[in-house]
């Protein structure tokens, strides 16, 4: 769980830096996209390392 939170903590601010206007909708979409990216990075790392 900690690794997923670490990935999310990196990806969420990156999303906010790359968009032009920050509103409630952008925060929700950015947080969700960062969570999906974090889960994908975690799963990929586990698959490559063989658990």
N, C-alpha and C. Protein backbone atom coordinates (compact mmCIF):
# COMPACT_ATOMS: atom_id res chain seq x y z
N UNK A 1 0.82 -1.19 0.00
CA UNK A 1 0.00 0.00 0.00
C UNK A 1 0.86 1.26 0.00
N UNK A 2 1.98 1.18 0.69
CA UNK A 2 2.86 2.34 0.75
C UNK A 2 3.45 2.72 -0.59
N UNK A 3 3.75 1.71 -1.39
CA UNK A 3 4.31 1.98 -2.72
C UNK A 3 3.29 2.66 -3.62
N UNK A 4 2.04 2.23 -3.52
CA UNK A 4 0.97 2.85 -4.32
C UNK A 4 0.80 4.30 -3.91
N UNK A 5 0.83 4.58 -2.62
CA UNK A 5 0.71 5.96 -2.14
C UNK A 5 1.89 6.81 -2.60
N UNK A 6 3.08 6.21 -2.62
CA UNK A 6 4.26 6.95 -3.08
C UNK A 6 4.12 7.30 -4.56
N UNK A 7 3.69 6.35 -5.38
CA UNK A 7 3.48 6.64 -6.80
C UNK A 7 2.42 7.71 -6.97
N UNK A 8 1.32 7.61 -6.20
CA UNK A 8 0.25 8.60 -6.30
C UNK A 8 0.77 9.98 -5.92
N UNK A 9 1.59 10.04 -4.89
CA UNK A 9 2.13 11.32 -4.43
C UNK A 9 3.03 11.97 -5.47
N UNK A 10 3.62 11.18 -6.34
CA UNK A 10 4.45 11.72 -7.42
C UNK A 10 3.58 12.12 -8.62
N UNK A 11 2.61 11.29 -8.97
CA UNK A 11 1.82 11.51 -10.17
C UNK A 11 0.75 12.60 -10.02
N UNK A 12 0.13 12.71 -8.87
CA UNK A 12 -0.93 13.71 -8.69
C UNK A 12 -0.42 15.14 -8.84
N UNK A 13 0.67 15.53 -8.17
CA UNK A 13 1.17 16.91 -8.39
C UNK A 13 1.64 17.14 -9.83
N UNK A 14 2.17 16.10 -10.47
CA UNK A 14 2.58 16.24 -11.86
C UNK A 14 1.38 16.59 -12.74
N UNK A 15 0.27 15.95 -12.51
CA UNK A 15 -0.96 16.26 -13.25
C UNK A 15 -1.35 17.72 -13.03
N UNK A 16 -1.31 18.17 -11.79
CA UNK A 16 -1.72 19.54 -11.48
C UNK A 16 -0.79 20.58 -12.11
N UNK A 17 0.47 20.25 -12.25
CA UNK A 17 1.42 21.17 -12.88
C UNK A 17 1.16 21.27 -14.37
N UNK A 18 0.72 20.18 -14.98
CA UNK A 18 0.58 20.13 -16.43
C UNK A 18 -0.76 20.66 -16.95
N UNK A 19 -1.73 20.91 -16.07
CA UNK A 19 -3.00 21.47 -16.54
C UNK A 19 -3.00 22.97 -16.33
N UNK A 20 -3.86 23.66 -17.06
CA UNK A 20 -3.84 25.13 -17.02
C UNK A 20 -4.68 25.70 -15.89
N UNK A 21 -5.84 25.13 -15.60
CA UNK A 21 -6.71 25.66 -14.55
C UNK A 21 -7.04 24.54 -13.56
N UNK A 22 -6.92 24.84 -12.29
CA UNK A 22 -7.19 23.83 -11.27
C UNK A 22 -8.53 24.14 -10.61
N UNK A 23 -9.47 23.24 -10.81
CA UNK A 23 -10.79 23.34 -10.20
C UNK A 23 -11.13 22.01 -9.54
N UNK A 24 -12.31 21.92 -9.01
CA UNK A 24 -12.73 20.70 -8.33
C UNK A 24 -12.73 19.51 -9.28
N UNK A 25 -13.24 19.71 -10.47
CA UNK A 25 -13.30 18.62 -11.44
C UNK A 25 -11.90 18.14 -11.81
N UNK A 26 -10.98 19.07 -11.99
CA UNK A 26 -9.61 18.71 -12.33
C UNK A 26 -8.92 17.96 -11.19
N UNK A 27 -9.22 18.34 -9.96
CA UNK A 27 -8.65 17.64 -8.81
C UNK A 27 -9.13 16.19 -8.74
N UNK A 28 -10.42 15.99 -9.00
CA UNK A 28 -10.98 14.64 -8.97
C UNK A 28 -10.40 13.80 -10.11
N UNK A 29 -10.39 14.35 -11.31
CA UNK A 29 -9.85 13.61 -12.46
C UNK A 29 -8.36 13.35 -12.28
N UNK A 30 -7.63 14.34 -11.83
CA UNK A 30 -6.19 14.17 -11.62
C UNK A 30 -5.88 13.14 -10.55
N UNK A 31 -6.61 13.19 -9.45
CA UNK A 31 -6.40 12.20 -8.39
C UNK A 31 -6.72 10.79 -8.84
N UNK A 32 -7.80 10.67 -9.61
CA UNK A 32 -8.19 9.35 -10.14
C UNK A 32 -7.17 8.83 -11.15
N UNK A 33 -6.74 9.70 -12.04
CA UNK A 33 -5.74 9.30 -13.04
C UNK A 33 -4.43 8.92 -12.36
N UNK A 34 -4.05 9.66 -11.33
CA UNK A 34 -2.82 9.34 -10.60
C UNK A 34 -2.95 8.00 -9.89
N UNK A 35 -4.13 7.70 -9.35
CA UNK A 35 -4.33 6.41 -8.69
C UNK A 35 -4.25 5.26 -9.70
N UNK A 36 -4.84 5.43 -10.86
CA UNK A 36 -4.77 4.41 -11.90
C UNK A 36 -3.31 4.21 -12.34
N UNK A 37 -2.59 5.30 -12.52
CA UNK A 37 -1.18 5.21 -12.89
C UNK A 37 -0.35 4.55 -11.80
N UNK A 38 -0.66 4.85 -10.55
CA UNK A 38 0.07 4.25 -9.43
C UNK A 38 -0.18 2.75 -9.37
N UNK A 39 -1.42 2.34 -9.57
CA UNK A 39 -1.73 0.90 -9.58
C UNK A 39 -1.05 0.19 -10.75
N UNK A 40 -1.03 0.84 -11.90
CA UNK A 40 -0.36 0.25 -13.07
C UNK A 40 1.14 0.13 -12.83
N UNK A 41 1.76 1.14 -12.26
CA UNK A 41 3.20 1.09 -11.98
C UNK A 41 3.51 0.00 -10.96
N UNK A 42 2.69 -0.10 -9.93
CA UNK A 42 2.88 -1.11 -8.91
C UNK A 42 2.74 -2.52 -9.50
N UNK A 43 1.69 -2.73 -10.29
CA UNK A 43 1.47 -4.03 -10.91
C UNK A 43 2.57 -4.40 -11.89
N UNK A 44 3.02 -3.42 -12.65
CA UNK A 44 4.10 -3.67 -13.61
C UNK A 44 5.39 -4.04 -12.91
N UNK A 45 5.70 -3.33 -11.83
CA UNK A 45 6.92 -3.64 -11.09
C UNK A 45 6.85 -5.03 -10.48
N UNK A 46 5.70 -5.40 -9.97
CA UNK A 46 5.55 -6.74 -9.39
C UNK A 46 5.66 -7.83 -10.47
N UNK A 47 5.09 -7.57 -11.65
CA UNK A 47 5.15 -8.56 -12.72
C UNK A 47 6.57 -8.74 -13.23
N UNK A 48 7.30 -7.64 -13.34
CA UNK A 48 8.67 -7.71 -13.87
C UNK A 48 9.61 -8.35 -12.84
N UNK A 49 9.41 -8.05 -11.57
CA UNK A 49 10.32 -8.57 -10.55
C UNK A 49 9.98 -9.99 -10.14
N UNK A 50 8.84 -10.50 -10.57
CA UNK A 50 8.46 -11.87 -10.22
C UNK A 50 7.97 -11.99 -8.79
N UNK A 51 7.39 -10.94 -8.26
CA UNK A 51 6.85 -10.83 -6.90
C UNK A 51 7.98 -10.64 -5.99
